[in-house]
Amino acid sequence: MFRKSGLVFLFLALASCGEISSDGSVASGPFGRTPLMTAEVQRATHAGVAACADAKTTGAPLLRLTSQGFVPWRGGYRAAIDNPLIFAGNSSVSVEVDRRGACHVKVTPIYPIELQTLQSVTSGALAGRGVGLDVWFVRKGDAYEVVLN
């Protein structure tokens, strides 16, 4: 159909555009869809990043996440959040510390355009704790992982 891969790339790039509101959150996802990172998902992400910051700076256990709706899951903690915007019915936020001591907060599913919202939630959680950690945002399929070290 297209002779040049550049045209396909341009089409895909335009298709993934959304609008960013003045507070840095995503106003709409691809093709004008509502963002998948609802207020509940943002609250759970904030709680996960804050727990990681506390674990990294004061040695506080991640166990306190259980009082915020997280359950033990695969060596870490996970919150499954009902999300009517998703065909499968829920989003999830998982938190775990790897063998090297890095803390991972994984949010799924999420649109790539919502990375700015994820960055805003992360910086708000870290600023609220008054800590400065090395932070990486890694895309893994339909998920993003916040890695704090």
Protein backbone atom coordinates (compact mmCIF):
# COMPACT_ATOMS: atom_id res chain seq x y z
CA MET A 1 0.00 0.00 0.00
CA PHE A 2 2.70 2.50 0.99
CA ARG A 3 5.92 2.54 -0.95
CA LYS A 4 8.04 4.11 1.73
CA SER A 5 8.29 3.07 5.35
CA GLY A 6 8.56 6.76 6.29
CA LEU A 7 4.90 7.26 5.38
CA VAL A 8 3.86 4.36 7.61
CA PHE A 9 5.94 5.81 10.46
CA LEU A 10 4.34 9.25 9.98
CA PHE A 11 0.86 7.74 10.02
CA LEU A 12 1.60 5.75 13.19
CA ALA A 13 3.17 8.76 14.87
CA LEU A 14 0.13 10.91 14.13
CA ALA A 15 -2.22 8.15 15.25
CA SER A 16 -0.56 7.92 18.67
CA CYS A 17 -0.83 11.63 19.43
CA GLY A 18 -2.96 12.82 22.30
CA GLU A 19 -3.47 16.13 24.04
CA ILE A 20 -1.56 17.23 27.14
CA SER A 21 -3.50 19.45 29.54
CA SER A 22 -1.93 22.39 31.37
CA ASP A 23 -1.21 20.36 34.53
CA GLY A 24 0.86 17.83 32.54
CA SER A 25 -1.72 15.06 32.54
CA VAL A 26 -2.95 13.43 29.36
CA ALA A 27 -6.27 14.79 28.14
CA SER A 28 -6.80 12.10 25.52
CA GLY A 29 -5.09 9.01 24.23
CA PRO A 30 -4.64 7.69 20.70
CA PHE A 31 -7.51 8.52 18.35
CA GLY A 32 -9.06 10.68 21.09
CA ARG A 33 -9.66 7.78 23.49
CA THR A 34 -9.84 8.45 27.19
CA PRO A 35 -6.51 7.80 28.96
CA LEU A 36 -6.13 4.42 30.64
CA MET A 37 -4.35 5.89 33.67
CA THR A 38 -7.45 6.81 35.68
CA ALA A 39 -7.33 8.67 39.02
CA GLU A 40 -7.36 5.31 40.85
CA VAL A 41 -4.41 4.05 38.82
CA GLN A 42 -2.56 7.31 39.50
CA ARG A 43 -3.22 7.00 43.27
CA ALA A 44 -1.93 3.41 43.30
CA THR A 45 1.15 4.43 41.29
CA HIS A 46 1.80 7.31 43.70
CA ALA A 47 1.52 4.90 46.66
CA GLY A 48 3.90 2.42 45.00
CA VAL A 49 6.54 5.06 44.20
CA ALA A 50 6.24 6.52 47.72
CA ALA A 51 6.69 3.04 49.25
CA CYS A 52 9.75 2.46 47.05
CA ALA A 53 11.22 5.82 48.08
CA ASP A 54 10.69 4.94 51.74
CA ALA A 55 12.20 1.49 51.23
CA LYS A 56 15.26 2.95 49.50
CA THR A 57 15.89 5.79 51.97
CA THR A 58 14.72 4.52 55.37
CA GLY A 59 14.52 0.77 54.85
CA ALA A 60 10.75 0.74 55.46
CA PRO A 61 9.19 -2.52 54.24
CA LEU A 62 6.87 -2.59 51.25
CA LEU A 63 4.43 -4.47 53.47
CA ARG A 64 2.67 -1.20 54.31
CA LEU A 65 1.21 -1.27 50.79
CA THR A 66 -1.31 -3.87 52.00
CA SER A 67 -3.15 -1.10 53.85
CA GLN A 68 -3.52 0.73 50.52
CA GLY A 69 -5.20 -2.05 48.54
CA PHE A 70 -2.12 -4.00 47.43
CA VAL A 71 -1.85 -7.77 47.91
CA PRO A 72 1.28 -9.97 48.00
CA TRP A 73 2.13 -11.11 44.46
CA ARG A 74 5.22 -12.83 42.95
CA GLY A 75 7.67 -11.60 45.57
CA GLY A 76 6.22 -8.09 45.62
CA TYR A 77 2.83 -6.41 45.88
CA ARG A 78 0.11 -5.76 43.32
CA ALA A 79 -3.08 -3.73 43.13
CA ALA A 80 -5.70 -4.76 40.58
CA ILE A 81 -7.88 -1.74 39.82
CA ASP A 82 -11.28 -1.98 38.13
CA ASN A 83 -11.05 0.07 34.98
CA PRO A 84 -14.16 0.32 32.77
CA LEU A 85 -12.03 1.83 29.99
CA ILE A 86 -10.25 -1.49 29.40
CA PHE A 87 -11.82 -4.41 27.59
CA ALA A 88 -10.35 -6.94 30.03
CA GLY A 89 -11.72 -4.90 32.94
CA ASN A 90 -8.76 -3.88 35.06
CA SER A 91 -5.44 -2.11 35.33
CA SER A 92 -2.68 -3.16 37.66
CA VAL A 93 0.15 -1.55 39.57
CA SER A 94 2.84 -3.88 40.92
CA VAL A 95 5.76 -3.06 43.19
CA GLU A 96 8.83 -5.18 43.88
CA VAL A 97 12.50 -4.91 44.80
CA ASP A 98 14.93 -6.85 42.63
CA ARG A 99 18.07 -8.71 43.78
CA ARG A 100 20.24 -5.66 43.10
CA GLY A 101 18.10 -3.46 45.35
CA ALA A 102 16.35 -1.48 42.63
CA CYS A 103 12.65 -0.91 43.23
CA HIS A 104 10.24 -1.41 40.30
CA VAL A 105 6.73 0.03 39.98
CA LYS A 106 4.98 -1.43 36.93
CA VAL A 107 1.78 0.13 35.56
CA THR A 108 -0.25 -1.74 32.95
CA PRO A 109 -1.87 -1.09 30.54
CA ILE A 110 -0.89 2.46 29.65
CA TYR A 111 -0.72 4.43 26.41
CA PRO A 112 2.76 5.70 25.42
CA ILE A 113 1.40 9.26 25.43
CA GLU A 114 0.62 8.84 29.15
CA LEU A 115 4.31 8.68 30.01
CA GLN A 116 4.16 12.38 30.91
CA THR A 117 1.40 11.66 33.45
CA LEU A 118 3.47 8.79 34.89
CA GLN A 119 6.49 11.09 35.18
CA SER A 120 4.37 13.72 36.92
CA VAL A 121 2.95 11.21 39.43
CA THR A 122 6.45 9.87 40.11
CA SER A 123 8.02 13.28 40.65
CA GLY A 124 5.11 14.27 42.94
CA ALA A 125 5.59 11.15 45.08
CA LEU A 126 9.35 11.70 45.34
CA ALA A 127 8.98 15.41 46.08
CA GLY A 128 6.47 14.57 48.82
CA ARG A 129 9.13 12.38 50.43
CA GLY A 130 11.89 14.94 49.89
CA VAL A 131 14.20 12.43 48.25
CA GLY A 132 16.19 12.40 45.07
CA LEU A 133 16.68 8.96 43.55
CA ASP A 134 17.83 7.81 40.13
CA VAL A 135 14.65 7.15 38.16
CA TRP A 136 14.23 5.36 34.82
CA PHE A 137 11.04 4.86 32.84
CA VAL A 138 11.08 1.65 30.82
CA ARG A 139 8.39 0.65 28.34
CA LYS A 140 7.51 -3.04 28.26
CA GLY A 141 4.73 -3.80 25.78
CA ASP A 142 1.56 -2.14 27.05
CA ALA A 143 3.17 -1.35 30.40
CA TYR A 144 5.61 1.16 31.80
CA GLU A 145 7.99 0.43 34.63
CA VAL A 146 9.37 3.08 36.96
CA VAL A 147 12.77 1.89 38.23
CA LEU A 148 14.10 3.64 41.33
CA ASN A 149 17.68 3.16 42.42
